[in-house]
Amino acid sequence: MGVAMRSLDEKKHVSKQEFEKAYIELMEDIRMVDQKLSTKADDVVLTMTLAHRQEIEELQDELLYLRKEIKQLKQHSQNKKEPVVKDTTTQVPLLHWFKKLQLSRR
């Protein structure tokens, strides 16, 4: 491209050979930028794919662990054969809470 600029400054016109040479250089530069951009995009996609794959594997491991835990809990519950009862002594009963306020007894 330097050839074309130099020729413009000196002659104010460009020969066909100089134009073609500058055009070829420009097209080569564009091809190289396109290739670098494509390579960069491929690298980004690969990195994201690997990260997603790792997340999927972690989720699969967690799913297997949870299935194992559920299976153990079911076996423990069947072996115990006792109904599961909630401990309500630690919970604050919310029924009739308004009636228990001093203001409501007037």
C-alpha atoms as a PDB file:
ATOM      1  CA  MET A   1       0.000   0.000   0.000  1.00  0.00           C
ATOM      2  CA  GLY A   2       3.000   2.232   0.462  1.00  0.00           C
ATOM      3  CA  VAL A   3       3.666   2.062  -3.269  1.00  0.00           C
ATOM      4  CA  ALA A   4       0.226   3.409  -4.119  1.00  0.00           C
ATOM      5  CA  MET A   5       0.493   6.314  -1.676  1.00  0.00           C
ATOM      6  CA  ARG A   6       3.962   7.231  -2.904  1.00  0.00           C
ATOM      7  CA  SER A   7       2.794   7.199  -6.510  1.00  0.00           C
ATOM      8  CA  LEU A   8      -0.192   9.406  -5.722  1.00  0.00           C
ATOM      9  CA  ASP A   9       1.985  12.003  -4.092  1.00  0.00           C
ATOM     10  CA  GLU A  10       4.488  12.065  -6.926  1.00  0.00           C
ATOM     11  CA  LYS A  11       2.358  11.703 -10.045  1.00  0.00           C
ATOM     12  CA  LYS A  12      -1.260  12.315  -9.044  1.00  0.00           C
ATOM     13  CA  HIS A  13      -2.163   9.178 -10.958  1.00  0.00           C
ATOM     14  CA  VAL A  14      -1.532   5.453 -10.493  1.00  0.00           C
ATOM     15  CA  SER A  15      -0.533   2.964 -13.111  1.00  0.00           C
ATOM     16  CA  LYS A  16      -2.488  -0.246 -13.517  1.00  0.00           C
ATOM     17  CA  GLN A  17       0.428  -2.342 -12.189  1.00  0.00           C
ATOM     18  CA  GLU A  18       0.836  -0.181  -9.085  1.00  0.00           C
ATOM     19  CA  PHE A  19      -2.896  -0.285  -8.425  1.00  0.00           C
ATOM     20  CA  GLU A  20      -2.999  -4.070  -8.795  1.00  0.00           C
ATOM     21  CA  LYS A  21       0.008  -4.468  -6.500  1.00  0.00           C
ATOM     22  CA  ALA A  22      -1.567  -2.214  -3.851  1.00  0.00           C
ATOM     23  CA  TYR A  23      -4.885  -4.024  -4.268  1.00  0.00           C
ATOM     24  CA  ILE A  24      -3.208  -7.416  -3.771  1.00  0.00           C
ATOM     25  CA  GLU A  25      -1.414  -6.146  -0.642  1.00  0.00           C
ATOM     26  CA  LEU A  26      -4.672  -4.790   0.738  1.00  0.00           C
ATOM     27  CA  MET A  27      -6.514  -8.036   0.055  1.00  0.00           C
ATOM     28  CA  GLU A  28      -3.686  -9.992   1.724  1.00  0.00           C
ATOM     29  CA  ASP A  29      -3.921  -7.743   4.799  1.00  0.00           C
ATOM     30  CA  ILE A  30      -7.691  -8.231   4.911  1.00  0.00           C
ATOM     31  CA  ARG A  31      -7.265 -12.012   4.572  1.00  0.00           C
ATOM     32  CA  MET A  32      -4.779 -12.062   7.464  1.00  0.00           C
ATOM     33  CA  VAL A  33      -7.068  -9.986   9.698  1.00  0.00           C
ATOM     34  CA  ASP A  34      -9.959 -12.284   8.820  1.00  0.00           C
ATOM     35  CA  GLN A  35      -7.844 -15.328   9.645  1.00  0.00           C
ATOM     36  CA  LYS A  36      -6.773 -13.848  13.007  1.00  0.00           C
ATOM     37  CA  LEU A  37     -10.377 -12.982  13.824  1.00  0.00           C
ATOM     38  CA  SER A  38     -11.521 -16.490  12.934  1.00  0.00           C
ATOM     39  CA  THR A  39      -8.775 -18.031  15.077  1.00  0.00           C
ATOM     40  CA  LYS A  40      -9.696 -15.781  18.001  1.00  0.00           C
ATOM     41  CA  ALA A  41     -13.374 -16.692  17.666  1.00  0.00           C
ATOM     42  CA  ASP A  42     -12.479 -20.382  17.582  1.00  0.00           C
ATOM     43  CA  ASP A  43     -10.403 -19.958  20.751  1.00  0.00           C
ATOM     44  CA  VAL A  44     -13.274 -18.213  22.539  1.00  0.00           C
ATOM     45  CA  VAL A  45     -15.749 -20.909  21.518  1.00  0.00           C
ATOM     46  CA  LEU A  46     -13.349 -23.642  22.629  1.00  0.00           C
ATOM     47  CA  THR A  47     -12.806 -21.982  26.006  1.00  0.00           C
ATOM     48  CA  MET A  48     -16.536 -21.573  26.550  1.00  0.00           C
ATOM     49  CA  THR A  49     -17.196 -25.166  25.488  1.00  0.00           C
ATOM     50  CA  LEU A  50     -14.623 -26.498  27.922  1.00  0.00           C
ATOM     51  CA  ALA A  51     -16.052 -24.370  30.746  1.00  0.00           C
ATOM     52  CA  HIS A  52     -19.583 -25.581  29.993  1.00  0.00           C
ATOM     53  CA  ARG A  53     -18.391 -29.170  29.835  1.00  0.00           C
ATOM     54  CA  GLN A  54     -16.798 -28.824  33.261  1.00  0.00           C
ATOM     55  CA  GLU A  55     -20.021 -27.332  34.660  1.00  0.00           C
ATOM     56  CA  ILE A  56     -22.028 -30.200  33.165  1.00  0.00           C
ATOM     57  CA  GLU A  57     -19.698 -32.758  34.740  1.00  0.00           C
ATOM     58  CA  GLU A  58     -19.980 -31.030  38.128  1.00  0.00           C
ATOM     59  CA  LEU A  59     -23.782 -31.022  37.856  1.00  0.00           C
ATOM     60  CA  GLN A  60     -23.777 -34.707  36.882  1.00  0.00           C
ATOM     61  CA  ASP A  61     -21.632 -35.515  39.925  1.00  0.00           C
ATOM     62  CA  GLU A  62     -23.968 -33.536  42.158  1.00  0.00           C
ATOM     63  CA  LEU A  63     -26.990 -35.292  40.661  1.00  0.00           C
ATOM     64  CA  LEU A  64     -25.448 -38.710  41.309  1.00  0.00           C
ATOM     65  CA  TYR A  65     -24.653 -37.685  44.883  1.00  0.00           C
ATOM     66  CA  LEU A  66     -28.208 -36.474  45.482  1.00  0.00           C
ATOM     67  CA  ARG A  67     -29.674 -39.658  44.004  1.00  0.00           C
ATOM     68  CA  LYS A  68     -27.465 -41.672  46.332  1.00  0.00           C
ATOM     69  CA  GLU A  69     -28.575 -39.578  49.314  1.00  0.00           C
ATOM     70  CA  ILE A  70     -32.250 -39.960  48.413  1.00  0.00           C
ATOM     71  CA  LYS A  71     -31.833 -43.705  48.037  1.00  0.00           C
ATOM     72  CA  GLN A  72     -30.151 -43.927  51.452  1.00  0.00           C
ATOM     73  CA  LEU A  73     -32.890 -41.821  53.048  1.00  0.00           C
ATOM     74  CA  LYS A  74     -35.585 -44.018  51.519  1.00  0.00           C
ATOM     75  CA  GLN A  75     -33.846 -47.157  52.767  1.00  0.00           C
ATOM     76  CA  HIS A  76     -33.418 -45.639  56.210  1.00  0.00           C
ATOM     77  CA  SER A  77     -37.077 -44.611  56.276  1.00  0.00           C
ATOM     78  CA  GLN A  78     -38.220 -48.088  55.198  1.00  0.00           C
ATOM     79  CA  ASN A  79     -35.980 -49.769  57.756  1.00  0.00           C
ATOM     80  CA  LYS A  80     -37.251 -47.535  60.517  1.00  0.00           C
ATOM     81  CA  LYS A  81     -40.934 -47.985  59.528  1.00  0.00           C
ATOM     82  CA  GLU A  82     -41.894 -45.005  61.640  1.00  0.00           C
ATOM     83  CA  PRO A  83     -43.810 -42.059  60.308  1.00  0.00           C
ATOM     84  CA  VAL A  84     -41.831 -38.892  60.023  1.00  0.00           C
ATOM     85  CA  VAL A  85     -43.167 -36.356  62.521  1.00  0.00           C
ATOM     86  CA  LYS A  86     -42.188 -32.733  62.509  1.00  0.00           C
ATOM     87  CA  ASP A  87     -40.898 -31.242  65.708  1.00  0.00           C
ATOM     88  CA  THR A  88     -43.386 -28.445  66.340  1.00  0.00           C
ATOM     89  CA  THR A  89     -42.089 -27.524  69.773  1.00  0.00           C
ATOM     90  CA  THR A  90     -39.474 -25.207  68.331  1.00  0.00           C
ATOM     91  CA  GLN A  91     -41.856 -23.540  65.909  1.00  0.00           C
ATOM     92  CA  VAL A  92     -43.860 -20.542  67.005  1.00  0.00           C
ATOM     93  CA  PRO A  93     -47.519 -21.255  66.461  1.00  0.00           C
ATOM     94  CA  LEU A  94     -48.935 -18.603  64.190  1.00  0.00           C
ATOM     95  CA  LEU A  95     -52.573 -19.477  64.756  1.00  0.00           C
ATOM     96  CA  HIS A  96     -54.468 -16.918  66.804  1.00  0.00           C
ATOM     97  CA  TRP A  97     -51.435 -14.737  67.280  1.00  0.00           C
ATOM     98  CA  PHE A  98     -53.587 -11.651  67.050  1.00  0.00           C
ATOM     99  CA  LYS A  99     -55.807 -12.830  69.880  1.00  0.00           C
ATOM    100  CA  LYS A 100     -52.776 -13.195  72.132  1.00  0.00           C
ATOM    101  CA  LEU A 101     -51.881  -9.533  71.799  1.00  0.00           C
ATOM    102  CA  GLN A 102     -52.913  -7.328  74.737  1.00  0.00           C
ATOM    103  CA  LEU A 103     -54.547  -4.841  72.378  1.00  0.00           C
ATOM    104  CA  SER A 104     -57.083  -7.331  71.130  1.00  0.00           C
ATOM    105  CA  ARG A 105     -58.477  -8.096  74.616  1.00  0.00           C
ATOM    106  CA  ARG A 106     -60.020  -4.672  75.251  1.00  0.00           C
END
